[in-house]
Amino acid sequence: MLPPFGGNRMKAIEAIDITKVYPNGVVANKNVNISVEQGEVHAIVGENGAGKTTLMKIFFGIEKPTSGEIKVFGKRVHINSPREAIALGIGMVHQHFMLVPSFSAAENIMLGIEPRKRFFSVDFKKMESIIGDYAKRLNFQIPLWEKVLDLPVGVKQRIEILKALVRGAKILILDEPSSVLTPQEVNDLFEVLKRLVQNDLTVIFITHKLNEVKQIANRITVMRNAQVVGTYENKDVTETDIVELMIGRKFEYDIKREPKEPGEILLIVKNLNYFREDGAHILKNISFSLRAGEILAIAGLEGNGQKELVEILTGLREKATGQILLNGDDIMGSHPWEIRRAGVSHIPEDRVEVGCALDLSIAENLISDRFHLNPFSTRLVYKKKHVIEFAKKMIKEFDVRAKSSTTMVRMLSGGNMQKVVVAREMTNSAKIVIANQPTHGIDVASSEFIRKKLMQIRNEGKAVLLISTDLQEVLQISDRILVLYKGEIVAHLRNENITETDLGYYMLGVKRQSEEQIKESVNL
């Protein structure tokens, strides 16, 4: 058994016997004890549903504990709202940024605390001075008066950090902070975190990327099944140790991408263009082909056109121009249901808003695209027995952790919710699976499982279009890679001897291939 860490520095924030039981009986935290010390980067890791997010919500006043207590710098406190958390010096940078896109960087940073001149007008000069002091200390380059809408993801994250710091944050909670960054931007972020802790700020780091935990954390707390397994010095644990502590068993990475000759072309996208309502050119002459028996990955920083591309391909967004040829037929502008019937399934980026009906059961979600077909119904009769039998089979095959097939999807952890979506989208008759961020925000074991399933259907002859900001995932399972930058394809790469750093340069727009190399993505 690995030795837990025992420190003696000043405690910035403590959870003491925290238990959280929701009204439906779900125990999210059970007698949780965590002590985070001043001036450290403290990583908290665990599978989806382990209790990390609930604990952070309790720290930030979004949730209230059922029992237990919290201490901030040694003082017992009751945190009833984010406003109270901020007043206590606790800041939080959420995984999905809480910024107003149409406001400038400066307006977002100072929103609600703007300095005022006489007659209550905003003192923009003083606002710039306040932000500048913090930015200088952290060596941040921020275009203060540009709209957030037009800024890169890495800059948006810095805006969020500054927003917390100008409000007096001494404890900064970062939820999956590197999930949308390039390797170069991750290195920049880690330099920022080092500067923060050198100034006695405390950072709580929530992530599923264990290589980054090992790179930046001073100490690591592992959670499993709503409880703390232990807190460890970074030097005392390996990545494998952490995974095994998280899941409670031995774990081995064993995804192998076997060479495979792709089959016929199933999908051709030609000269696809899309303009936003304000006239911004979001997708610029996108062209590529997708073959049976291959995984084609589209890599790029969030906000470079991936979302719009997926929504156009699946019929969820209108008013694009160009051609989308599916088995030779142009499906541009078709209804989502028509595209599904033509042989395209879709694992959406947002499993909560788009992927699932939260108040329906697992079984009902699994057949939501085929409820009208045999054996689940006839023209007049819904065959519940067949639905339940199918659901039980899928729950077992896709390792969905739930009490039964009748459990409401909203009761599942993020990883298990994602497995329900993946089970539905991989077991229909589709020849093409569009997988948009299929493992985003889920734990190591669930991610590994889903990647294996994507490899399996590729080996069975289906085509996979993988959209992912996780470069490790892209390099692990894809056959070819397209890189999107500002709505354009800037690179078409065979997945041979490429590194994450290589991809990062294309994603940042530092490098770009010739038009002839890029055209190869269509003329295969």
Protein backbone atom coordinates (compact mmCIF):
# COMPACT_ATOMS: atom_id res chain seq x y z
CA MET A 1 0.00 0.00 0.00
CA LEU A 2 1.32 3.45 -0.91
CA PRO A 3 2.08 5.78 2.00
CA PRO A 4 -0.33 8.72 2.35
CA PHE A 5 1.26 12.15 2.67
CA GLY A 6 1.19 14.05 5.92
CA GLY A 7 2.17 17.73 5.74
CA ASN A 8 2.49 20.41 8.36
CA ARG A 9 2.26 23.67 6.38
CA MET A 10 -0.63 26.13 6.78
CA LYS A 11 -3.89 24.63 5.55
CA ALA A 12 -5.64 26.77 2.93
CA ILE A 13 -8.86 24.77 2.74
CA GLU A 14 -10.07 21.62 4.49
CA ALA A 15 -12.99 19.27 4.01
CA ILE A 16 -13.75 17.53 7.31
CA ASP A 17 -16.07 14.49 7.21
CA ILE A 18 -18.04 15.97 4.30
CA THR A 19 -21.04 13.89 3.27
CA LYS A 20 -23.43 14.86 0.49
CA VAL A 21 -26.63 12.87 -0.09
CA TYR A 22 -28.98 14.10 -2.80
CA PRO A 23 -32.79 13.95 -2.31
CA ASN A 24 -32.98 10.89 -4.59
CA GLY A 25 -30.70 8.97 -2.23
CA VAL A 26 -27.49 9.17 -4.28
CA VAL A 27 -24.44 9.51 -2.02
CA ALA A 28 -22.02 11.82 -3.86
CA ASN A 29 -19.55 12.32 -0.98
CA LYS A 30 -19.12 10.07 2.03
CA ASN A 31 -17.02 11.21 5.02
CA VAL A 32 -14.59 13.03 2.75
CA ASN A 33 -11.47 14.45 4.41
CA ILE A 34 -9.10 16.55 2.30
CA SER A 35 -6.53 19.09 3.43
CA VAL A 36 -5.08 21.45 0.80
CA GLU A 37 -2.03 23.40 1.91
CA GLN A 38 -1.15 26.99 1.09
CA GLY A 39 1.23 27.46 -1.84
CA GLU A 40 0.77 24.05 -3.48
CA VAL A 41 -0.80 22.61 -6.61
CA HIS A 42 -3.08 19.90 -5.26
CA ALA A 43 -4.54 17.50 -7.84
CA ILE A 44 -7.81 15.67 -7.14
CA VAL A 45 -8.39 12.66 -9.38
CA GLY A 46 -10.93 9.87 -9.67
CA GLU A 47 -13.31 8.18 -12.06
CA ASN A 48 -16.49 9.90 -13.15
CA GLY A 49 -18.92 9.69 -10.25
CA ALA A 50 -16.13 9.47 -7.67
CA GLY A 51 -17.29 12.71 -6.03
CA LYS A 52 -14.69 15.27 -7.23
CA THR A 53 -17.11 17.66 -8.90
CA THR A 54 -19.58 17.59 -6.00
CA LEU A 55 -16.80 18.42 -3.54
CA MET A 56 -15.65 21.35 -5.69
CA LYS A 57 -19.23 22.61 -5.89
CA ILE A 58 -19.38 22.48 -2.09
CA PHE A 59 -16.11 24.42 -1.84
CA PHE A 60 -17.49 27.07 -4.23
CA GLY A 61 -20.92 27.32 -2.61
CA ILE A 62 -22.90 25.80 -5.50
CA GLU A 63 -23.91 22.82 -3.33
CA LYS A 64 -24.33 22.49 0.43
CA PRO A 65 -23.04 19.44 2.32
CA THR A 66 -25.48 17.19 4.14
CA SER A 67 -23.01 16.97 7.02
CA GLY A 68 -19.42 17.82 7.85
CA GLU A 69 -17.57 21.11 7.86
CA ILE A 70 -15.24 23.27 5.79
CA LYS A 71 -12.34 25.33 7.08
CA VAL A 72 -10.68 28.13 5.11
CA PHE A 73 -7.29 29.17 6.50
CA GLY A 74 -8.16 27.48 9.77
CA LYS A 75 -11.54 29.13 10.24
CA ARG A 76 -14.76 27.13 10.10
CA VAL A 77 -17.06 28.57 7.43
CA HIS A 78 -20.49 28.02 5.89
CA ILE A 79 -20.38 28.68 2.14
CA ASN A 80 -23.93 29.23 0.88
CA SER A 81 -23.22 30.73 -2.54
CA PRO A 82 -20.40 31.46 -5.02
CA ARG A 83 -20.55 35.09 -3.86
CA GLU A 84 -19.66 33.96 -0.32
CA ALA A 85 -16.90 31.69 -1.67
CA ILE A 86 -15.38 34.60 -3.59
CA ALA A 87 -15.54 36.77 -0.46
CA LEU A 88 -13.54 34.06 1.36
CA GLY A 89 -10.86 34.12 -1.35
CA ILE A 90 -11.98 31.07 -3.34
CA GLY A 91 -12.08 31.36 -7.13
CA MET A 92 -13.09 28.76 -9.70
CA VAL A 93 -12.29 28.44 -13.41
CA HIS A 94 -14.93 26.15 -14.84
CA GLN A 95 -14.31 23.64 -17.62
CA HIS A 96 -16.74 25.59 -19.82
CA PHE A 97 -15.72 29.22 -19.55
CA MET A 98 -18.21 31.63 -17.94
CA LEU A 99 -17.54 34.59 -20.23
CA VAL A 100 -19.80 36.99 -22.15
CA PRO A 101 -18.72 36.51 -25.80
CA SER A 102 -19.81 39.96 -26.97
CA PHE A 103 -17.92 41.78 -24.17
CA SER A 104 -14.24 42.68 -24.32
CA ALA A 105 -11.62 40.87 -22.25
CA ALA A 106 -11.43 43.79 -19.81
CA GLU A 107 -15.21 43.99 -19.42
CA ASN A 108 -15.37 40.26 -18.64
CA ILE A 109 -12.56 40.45 -16.08
CA MET A 110 -14.14 43.37 -14.19
CA LEU A 111 -17.80 42.47 -14.71
CA GLY A 112 -19.78 43.55 -11.65
CA ILE A 113 -16.82 45.23 -9.92
CA GLU A 114 -16.06 47.98 -12.44
CA PRO A 115 -14.32 51.06 -10.92
CA ARG A 116 -16.53 54.15 -11.17
CA LYS A 117 -15.93 57.85 -11.82
CA ARG A 118 -18.23 60.68 -10.89
CA PHE A 119 -21.83 60.27 -11.99
CA PHE A 120 -21.28 56.49 -11.87
CA SER A 121 -19.70 56.14 -15.30
CA VAL A 122 -17.08 53.36 -15.67
CA ASP A 123 -13.47 54.42 -15.17
CA PHE A 124 -11.92 52.50 -18.06
CA LYS A 125 -8.43 53.89 -17.41
CA LYS A 126 -8.45 52.59 -13.85
CA MET A 127 -9.92 49.28 -15.04
CA GLU A 128 -7.00 48.89 -17.43
CA SER A 129 -4.52 49.77 -14.68
CA ILE A 130 -5.95 47.18 -12.23
CA ILE A 131 -5.91 44.39 -14.80
CA GLY A 132 -2.46 45.45 -16.04
CA ASP A 133 -0.94 45.06 -12.56
CA TYR A 134 -2.11 41.43 -12.32
CA ALA A 135 -1.27 40.64 -15.95
CA LYS A 136 2.27 42.01 -15.52
CA ARG A 137 2.91 39.86 -12.45
CA LEU A 138 1.83 36.74 -14.33
CA ASN A 139 3.44 37.77 -17.64
CA PHE A 140 0.05 37.63 -19.36
CA GLN A 141 -0.43 39.21 -22.77
CA ILE A 142 -4.15 40.06 -22.98
CA PRO A 143 -5.79 42.15 -25.74
CA LEU A 144 -7.98 43.96 -23.21
CA TRP A 145 -10.42 45.63 -25.58
CA GLU A 146 -10.97 42.81 -28.09
CA LYS A 147 -14.23 40.86 -27.91
CA VAL A 148 -13.90 37.49 -26.19
CA LEU A 149 -15.80 35.97 -29.12
CA ASP A 150 -12.74 36.48 -31.34
CA LEU A 151 -10.02 35.36 -28.90
CA PRO A 152 -8.18 32.00 -28.83
CA VAL A 153 -9.06 29.45 -26.16
CA GLY A 154 -5.78 29.88 -24.28
CA VAL A 155 -6.39 33.62 -23.92
CA LYS A 156 -9.96 33.00 -22.71
CA GLN A 157 -8.57 30.78 -19.97
CA ARG A 158 -6.17 33.53 -18.87
CA ILE A 159 -9.11 35.94 -18.74
CA GLU A 160 -10.89 33.51 -16.41
CA ILE A 161 -7.82 33.28 -14.17
CA LEU A 162 -7.48 37.07 -14.04
CA LYS A 163 -11.21 37.37 -13.32
CA ALA A 164 -10.72 35.24 -10.21
CA LEU A 165 -7.52 36.98 -9.10
CA VAL A 166 -8.85 40.55 -9.30
CA ARG A 167 -11.64 39.41 -6.98
CA GLY A 168 -9.05 38.44 -4.39
CA ALA A 169 -8.75 34.69 -4.96
CA LYS A 170 -6.17 33.04 -2.73
CA ILE A 171 -7.44 29.53 -3.56
CA LEU A 172 -8.00 28.79 -7.25
CA ILE A 173 -9.98 25.73 -8.37
CA LEU A 174 -9.26 24.69 -11.98
CA ASP A 175 -11.71 22.18 -13.50
CA GLU A 176 -10.14 20.29 -16.46
CA PRO A 177 -8.03 23.35 -17.33
CA SER A 178 -6.02 21.74 -20.14
CA SER A 179 -8.81 19.91 -21.97
CA VAL A 180 -8.94 22.43 -24.83
CA LEU A 181 -5.28 23.49 -24.99
CA THR A 182 -2.38 22.56 -27.25
CA PRO A 183 0.79 21.08 -25.68
CA GLN A 184 2.44 24.50 -26.05
CA GLU A 185 -0.48 26.22 -24.26
CA VAL A 186 -0.44 23.58 -21.51
CA ASN A 187 3.23 24.38 -20.88
CA ASP A 188 2.34 28.09 -20.70
CA LEU A 189 -0.49 27.33 -18.24
CA PHE A 190 1.83 25.31 -16.01
CA GLU A 191 4.33 28.18 -15.94
CA VAL A 192 1.47 30.42 -14.77
CA LEU A 193 0.50 27.95 -12.04
CA LYS A 194 4.11 27.81 -10.83
CA ARG A 195 4.18 31.61 -10.57
CA LEU A 196 0.89 31.58 -8.66
CA VAL A 197 2.06 29.12 -6.01
CA GLN A 198 5.38 30.97 -5.66
CA ASN A 199 3.22 33.90 -4.54
CA ASP A 200 1.51 31.69 -1.91
CA LEU A 201 -1.67 31.12 -3.91
CA THR A 202 -3.16 27.64 -3.68
CA VAL A 203 -4.28 25.73 -6.77
CA ILE A 204 -6.72 22.79 -6.76
CA PHE A 205 -6.32 20.98 -10.07
CA ILE A 206 -9.10 18.65 -11.33
CA THR A 207 -8.21 16.60 -14.39
CA HIS A 208 -8.36 13.18 -16.01
CA LYS A 209 -4.95 13.65 -17.67
CA LEU A 210 -2.62 11.85 -15.31
CA ASN A 211 0.54 12.74 -17.23
CA GLU A 212 -0.26 16.39 -16.45
CA VAL A 213 -0.94 15.56 -12.81
CA LYS A 214 2.54 14.08 -12.59
CA GLN A 215 3.98 17.11 -14.34
CA ILE A 216 2.50 19.87 -12.16
CA ALA A 217 1.03 18.62 -8.86
CA ASN A 218 2.80 18.73 -5.50
CA ARG A 219 0.31 16.30 -3.93
CA ILE A 220 -2.46 14.10 -5.29
CA THR A 221 -5.73 13.09 -3.64
CA VAL A 222 -7.42 10.02 -5.13
CA MET A 223 -11.19 9.53 -4.79
CA ARG A 224 -13.21 6.39 -5.48
CA ASN A 225 -16.92 5.66 -4.90
CA ALA A 226 -17.56 9.03 -3.17
CA GLN A 227 -14.70 8.54 -0.70
CA VAL A 228 -11.05 9.53 -0.40
CA VAL A 229 -8.63 6.65 -0.97
CA GLY A 230 -5.65 8.69 0.14
CA THR A 231 -3.46 11.75 -0.44
CA TYR A 232 0.04 11.15 -1.80
CA GLU A 233 3.24 13.00 -2.54
CA ASN A 234 3.72 13.16 -6.31
CA LYS A 235 7.09 11.39 -6.10
CA ASP A 236 5.53 8.41 -4.32
CA VAL A 237 3.09 7.38 -7.07
CA THR A 238 3.29 6.51 -10.76
CA GLU A 239 0.51 7.04 -13.32
CA THR A 240 -0.25 3.32 -13.09
CA ASP A 241 -0.47 3.54 -9.30
CA ILE A 242 -2.95 6.41 -9.59
CA VAL A 243 -5.17 4.59 -12.09
CA GLU A 244 -5.25 1.46 -9.94
CA LEU A 245 -6.10 3.51 -6.83
CA MET A 246 -8.90 5.20 -8.81
CA ILE A 247 -10.52 2.02 -10.10
CA GLY A 248 -9.55 -0.40 -7.31
CA ARG A 249 -7.97 -3.01 -9.56
CA LYS A 250 -5.08 -3.69 -11.93
CA PHE A 251 -5.20 -1.75 -15.18
CA GLU A 252 -3.20 -2.04 -18.40
CA TYR A 253 -3.25 0.19 -21.47
CA ASP A 254 -3.69 -2.23 -24.37
CA ILE A 255 -5.14 -0.34 -27.36
CA LYS A 256 -3.32 -1.44 -30.49
CA ARG A 257 -3.98 0.19 -33.86
CA GLU A 258 -3.38 -2.56 -36.36
CA PRO A 259 -2.58 -1.53 -39.97
CA LYS A 260 -5.66 -1.84 -42.16
CA GLU A 261 -6.29 -1.11 -45.83
CA PRO A 262 -9.33 1.19 -46.01
CA GLY A 263 -12.27 0.33 -48.25
CA GLU A 264 -14.55 2.38 -50.49
CA ILE A 265 -15.15 6.09 -50.07
CA LEU A 266 -18.39 6.58 -48.11
CA LEU A 267 -18.39 10.33 -47.53
CA ILE A 268 -17.09 13.22 -49.62
CA VAL A 269 -17.22 16.83 -48.44
CA LYS A 270 -16.56 19.40 -51.18
CA ASN A 271 -15.94 23.13 -50.81
CA LEU A 272 -18.01 23.45 -47.63
CA ASN A 273 -18.43 27.05 -46.50
CA TYR A 274 -20.37 28.50 -43.61
CA PHE A 275 -20.92 32.14 -42.60
CA ARG A 276 -22.14 33.13 -39.15
CA GLU A 277 -25.08 35.55 -38.88
CA ASP A 278 -22.70 38.45 -38.22
CA GLY A 279 -20.88 37.69 -41.47
CA ALA A 280 -17.86 35.90 -39.96
CA HIS A 281 -16.51 33.19 -42.30
CA ILE A 282 -16.45 30.15 -39.97
CA LEU A 283 -15.75 27.28 -42.42
CA LYS A 284 -13.63 28.00 -45.47
CA ASN A 285 -13.67 25.59 -48.42
CA ILE A 286 -13.56 22.42 -46.34
CA SER A 287 -12.97 19.33 -48.49
CA PHE A 288 -12.13 15.76 -47.48
CA SER A 289 -13.07 12.10 -48.05
CA LEU A 290 -13.80 9.35 -45.53
CA ARG A 291 -13.38 5.65 -46.30
CA ALA A 292 -14.82 2.48 -44.84
CA GLY A 293 -12.49 0.86 -42.29
CA GLU A 294 -10.63 4.00 -41.23
CA ILE A 295 -10.64 6.57 -38.46
CA LEU A 296 -10.17 10.09 -39.77
CA ALA A 297 -9.47 12.54 -36.94
CA ILE A 298 -10.12 16.26 -37.05
CA ALA A 299 -7.85 18.02 -34.57
CA GLY A 300 -7.93 21.66 -33.61
CA LEU A 301 -8.42 24.02 -30.73
CA GLU A 302 -12.00 24.53 -29.63
CA GLY A 303 -13.70 27.30 -31.61
CA ASN A 304 -12.00 26.71 -34.96
CA GLY A 305 -15.10 25.44 -36.75
CA GLN A 306 -15.38 21.85 -35.49
CA LYS A 307 -18.77 22.40 -33.84
CA GLU A 308 -20.25 23.97 -36.97
CA LEU A 309 -18.78 21.25 -39.20
CA VAL A 310 -20.32 18.44 -37.14
CA GLU A 311 -23.71 20.16 -36.96
CA ILE A 312 -23.76 20.67 -40.74
CA LEU A 313 -22.78 17.04 -41.42
CA THR A 314 -25.52 15.77 -39.09
CA GLY A 315 -28.25 18.15 -40.27
CA LEU A 316 -28.34 20.23 -37.09
CA ARG A 317 -27.20 23.48 -38.77
CA GLU A 318 -28.52 25.07 -41.95
CA LYS A 319 -27.39 27.61 -44.56
CA ALA A 320 -24.01 26.13 -45.44
CA THR A 321 -22.86 25.91 -49.06
CA GLY A 322 -20.97 23.18 -50.88
CA GLN A 323 -21.62 19.45 -51.18
CA ILE A 324 -21.87 16.57 -48.72
CA LEU A 325 -21.96 13.34 -50.70
CA LEU A 326 -23.02 10.23 -48.78
CA ASN A 327 -22.73 7.13 -50.96
CA GLY A 328 -22.91 9.50 -53.93
CA ASP A 329 -26.08 11.32 -52.82
CA ASP A 330 -25.93 14.98 -51.79
CA ILE A 331 -27.35 15.26 -48.26
CA MET A 332 -26.60 18.96 -47.77
CA GLY A 333 -29.57 20.51 -45.94
CA SER A 334 -31.23 17.16 -45.15
CA HIS A 335 -33.13 16.64 -41.90
CA PRO A 336 -31.15 14.89 -39.11
CA TRP A 337 -33.55 11.95 -39.23
CA GLU A 338 -32.96 11.53 -42.99
CA ILE A 339 -29.20 11.57 -42.46
CA ARG A 340 -29.47 8.93 -39.74
CA ARG A 341 -31.59 6.73 -42.02
CA ALA A 342 -28.97 7.16 -44.76
CA GLY A 343 -26.38 5.53 -42.49
CA VAL A 344 -24.77 8.17 -40.26
CA SER A 345 -24.76 7.96 -36.46
CA HIS A 346 -23.64 10.76 -34.17
CA ILE A 347 -21.97 10.78 -30.75
CA PRO A 348 -22.47 14.46 -29.85
CA GLU A 349 -20.08 16.62 -27.88
CA ASP A 350 -22.73 17.51 -25.29
CA ARG A 351 -24.16 14.28 -23.90
CA VAL A 352 -26.44 16.13 -21.47
CA GLU A 353 -28.13 18.64 -23.79
CA VAL A 354 -28.02 16.70 -27.07
CA GLY A 355 -27.04 13.09 -26.46
CA CYS A 356 -29.58 11.92 -23.88
CA ALA A 357 -33.10 12.39 -22.61
CA LEU A 358 -32.18 12.76 -18.95
CA ASP A 359 -35.61 11.93 -17.50
CA LEU A 360 -36.01 8.74 -19.53
CA SER A 361 -34.54 5.39 -18.54
CA ILE A 362 -31.36 3.81 -19.87
CA ALA A 363 -33.49 1.38 -21.86
CA GLU A 364 -35.58 4.15 -23.43
CA ASN A 365 -32.47 6.12 -24.37
CA LEU A 366 -30.86 3.06 -25.95
CA ILE A 367 -33.78 2.53 -28.36
CA SER A 368 -34.67 6.19 -28.97
CA ASP A 369 -33.51 5.94 -32.59
CA ARG A 370 -35.22 2.56 -33.27
CA PHE A 371 -38.26 2.38 -31.00
CA HIS A 372 -40.50 2.09 -34.08
CA LEU A 373 -38.72 -1.00 -35.41
CA ASN A 374 -38.99 -4.70 -34.66
CA PRO A 375 -38.41 -6.25 -32.19
CA PHE A 376 -39.20 -3.20 -30.01
CA SER A 377 -42.63 -2.44 -31.43
CA THR A 378 -45.17 -3.24 -34.06
CA ARG A 379 -47.46 -0.65 -35.58
CA LEU A 380 -49.71 -0.70 -32.50
CA VAL A 381 -47.77 -2.40 -29.68
CA TYR A 382 -44.66 -1.35 -27.70
CA LYS A 383 -42.80 -4.54 -26.71
CA LYS A 384 -41.33 -3.64 -23.36
CA LYS A 385 -39.92 -7.12 -22.74
CA HIS A 386 -37.74 -6.91 -25.86
CA VAL A 387 -36.63 -3.40 -24.94
CA ILE A 388 -35.52 -4.51 -21.46
CA GLU A 389 -33.71 -7.57 -22.85
CA PHE A 390 -31.83 -5.42 -25.36
CA ALA A 391 -30.95 -2.85 -22.69
CA LYS A 392 -29.58 -5.51 -20.32
CA LYS A 393 -27.39 -6.84 -23.13
CA MET A 394 -26.05 -3.34 -23.92
CA ILE A 395 -25.45 -2.54 -20.24
CA LYS A 396 -23.32 -5.66 -19.96
CA GLU A 397 -21.48 -5.23 -23.28
CA PHE A 398 -20.70 -1.54 -22.73
CA ASP A 399 -20.06 -1.87 -18.99
CA VAL A 400 -22.64 0.72 -17.93
CA ARG A 401 -22.60 0.95 -14.11
CA ALA A 402 -26.25 1.27 -13.04
CA LYS A 403 -28.77 -0.43 -10.76
CA SER A 404 -30.96 -1.52 -13.66
CA SER A 405 -32.05 -0.74 -17.21
CA THR A 406 -34.93 1.32 -15.82
CA THR A 407 -32.60 3.76 -14.00
CA MET A 408 -33.09 7.33 -15.22
CA VAL A 409 -30.08 8.54 -17.23
CA ARG A 410 -29.78 11.69 -15.10
CA MET A 411 -28.78 9.41 -12.19
CA LEU A 412 -25.65 8.20 -14.01
CA SER A 413 -22.13 9.59 -13.79
CA GLY A 414 -20.75 11.37 -16.85
CA GLY A 415 -18.76 8.34 -17.96
CA ASN A 416 -21.72 5.98 -17.72
CA MET A 417 -23.99 8.48 -19.45
CA GLN A 418 -21.47 8.62 -22.28
CA LYS A 419 -21.42 4.82 -22.52
CA VAL A 420 -25.21 4.83 -23.01
CA VAL A 421 -24.82 7.28 -25.93
CA VAL A 422 -21.95 5.26 -27.41
CA ALA A 423 -23.91 1.99 -27.07
CA ARG A 424 -26.86 3.49 -28.95
CA GLU A 425 -24.78 5.05 -31.72
CA MET A 426 -22.54 2.01 -32.30
CA THR A 427 -25.23 -0.66 -32.44
CA ASN A 428 -27.42 0.66 -35.23
CA SER A 429 -26.96 -0.07 -38.92
CA ALA A 430 -24.92 3.07 -39.64
CA LYS A 431 -21.83 2.77 -41.81
CA ILE A 432 -20.39 6.08 -40.57
CA VAL A 433 -19.98 7.14 -36.94
CA ILE A 434 -19.30 10.82 -36.28
CA ALA A 435 -17.74 10.89 -32.81
CA ASN A 436 -17.43 14.43 -31.44
CA GLN A 437 -15.21 14.57 -28.33
CA PRO A 438 -16.29 11.01 -27.38
CA THR A 439 -14.11 10.80 -24.25
CA HIS A 440 -14.12 14.47 -23.20
CA GLY A 441 -14.36 14.90 -19.44
CA ILE A 442 -14.48 11.21 -18.58
CA ASP A 443 -12.07 9.04 -16.63
CA VAL A 444 -9.16 6.94 -17.84
CA ALA A 445 -10.89 3.55 -17.76
CA SER A 446 -14.06 4.78 -19.52
CA SER A 447 -11.97 6.62 -22.14
CA GLU A 448 -9.95 3.50 -22.83
CA PHE A 449 -13.13 1.45 -23.22
CA ILE A 450 -14.69 3.89 -25.71
CA ARG A 451 -11.52 4.13 -27.77
CA LYS A 452 -11.39 0.35 -28.00
CA LYS A 453 -14.99 0.33 -29.25
CA LEU A 454 -14.13 2.91 -31.92
CA MET A 455 -11.19 0.74 -33.01
CA GLN A 456 -13.47 -2.30 -33.05
CA ILE A 457 -16.03 -0.77 -35.42
CA ARG A 458 -13.22 0.53 -37.63
CA ASN A 459 -11.85 -3.02 -37.85
CA GLU A 460 -15.36 -4.25 -38.71
CA GLY A 461 -15.37 -1.95 -41.76
CA LYS A 462 -17.27 1.10 -40.52
CA ALA A 463 -15.90 4.62 -41.02
CA VAL A 464 -15.25 6.89 -38.05
CA LEU A 465 -14.95 10.66 -38.21
CA LEU A 466 -13.32 11.55 -34.87
CA ILE A 467 -13.40 15.17 -33.71
CA SER A 468 -11.16 15.53 -30.67
CA THR A 469 -9.11 18.12 -28.79
CA ASP A 470 -7.33 15.26 -26.97
CA LEU A 471 -4.14 14.83 -28.98
CA GLN A 472 -3.20 11.65 -27.14
CA GLU A 473 -6.50 10.16 -28.31
CA VAL A 474 -6.01 11.41 -31.88
CA LEU A 475 -2.57 9.82 -32.12
CA GLN A 476 -3.64 6.64 -30.36
CA ILE A 477 -6.48 5.54 -32.67
CA SER A 478 -6.64 7.57 -35.91
CA ASP A 479 -5.35 6.53 -39.32
CA ARG A 480 -5.31 10.03 -40.83
CA ILE A 481 -5.51 13.49 -39.27
CA LEU A 482 -6.88 16.80 -40.56
CA VAL A 483 -6.03 19.94 -38.57
CA LEU A 484 -8.49 22.85 -38.51
CA TYR A 485 -7.28 26.39 -37.84
CA LYS A 486 -9.60 29.38 -38.14
CA GLY A 487 -12.05 27.35 -40.18
CA GLU A 488 -9.52 26.03 -42.69
CA ILE A 489 -7.80 22.69 -43.13
CA VAL A 490 -4.13 23.55 -42.64
CA ALA A 491 -2.72 20.01 -42.55
CA HIS A 492 -3.53 16.49 -43.77
CA LEU A 493 -1.30 13.92 -42.06
CA ARG A 494 -0.89 10.17 -42.08
CA ASN A 495 -0.62 9.01 -38.47
CA GLU A 496 3.02 7.97 -38.75
CA ASN A 497 5.80 9.35 -36.54
CA ILE A 498 3.79 12.45 -35.52
CA THR A 499 4.03 13.95 -32.05
CA GLU A 500 1.58 16.03 -30.04
CA THR A 501 3.99 18.95 -30.38
CA ASP A 502 3.93 18.63 -34.19
CA LEU A 503 0.12 18.80 -34.16
CA GLY A 504 0.20 21.70 -31.72
CA TYR A 505 2.14 23.89 -34.18
CA TYR A 506 -0.51 23.34 -36.87
CA MET A 507 -3.33 23.92 -34.36
CA LEU A 508 -1.80 27.27 -33.34
CA GLY A 509 -1.35 28.34 -36.98
CA VAL A 510 2.44 28.39 -36.67
CA LYS A 511 2.81 25.78 -39.45
CA ARG A 512 0.74 25.05 -42.56
CA GLN A 513 1.06 22.47 -45.32
CA SER A 514 1.01 23.27 -49.03
CA GLU A 515 -2.29 23.19 -50.92
CA GLU A 516 -1.13 20.04 -52.76
CA GLN A 517 -0.56 18.15 -49.50
CA ILE A 518 -3.93 19.23 -48.14
CA LYS A 519 -5.75 18.27 -51.36
CA GLU A 520 -4.61 14.69 -50.82
CA SER A 521 -7.33 14.49 -48.13
CA VAL A 522 -9.91 14.44 -50.95
CA ASN A 523 -8.05 12.80 -53.84
CA LEU A 524 -7.20 9.60 -52.00
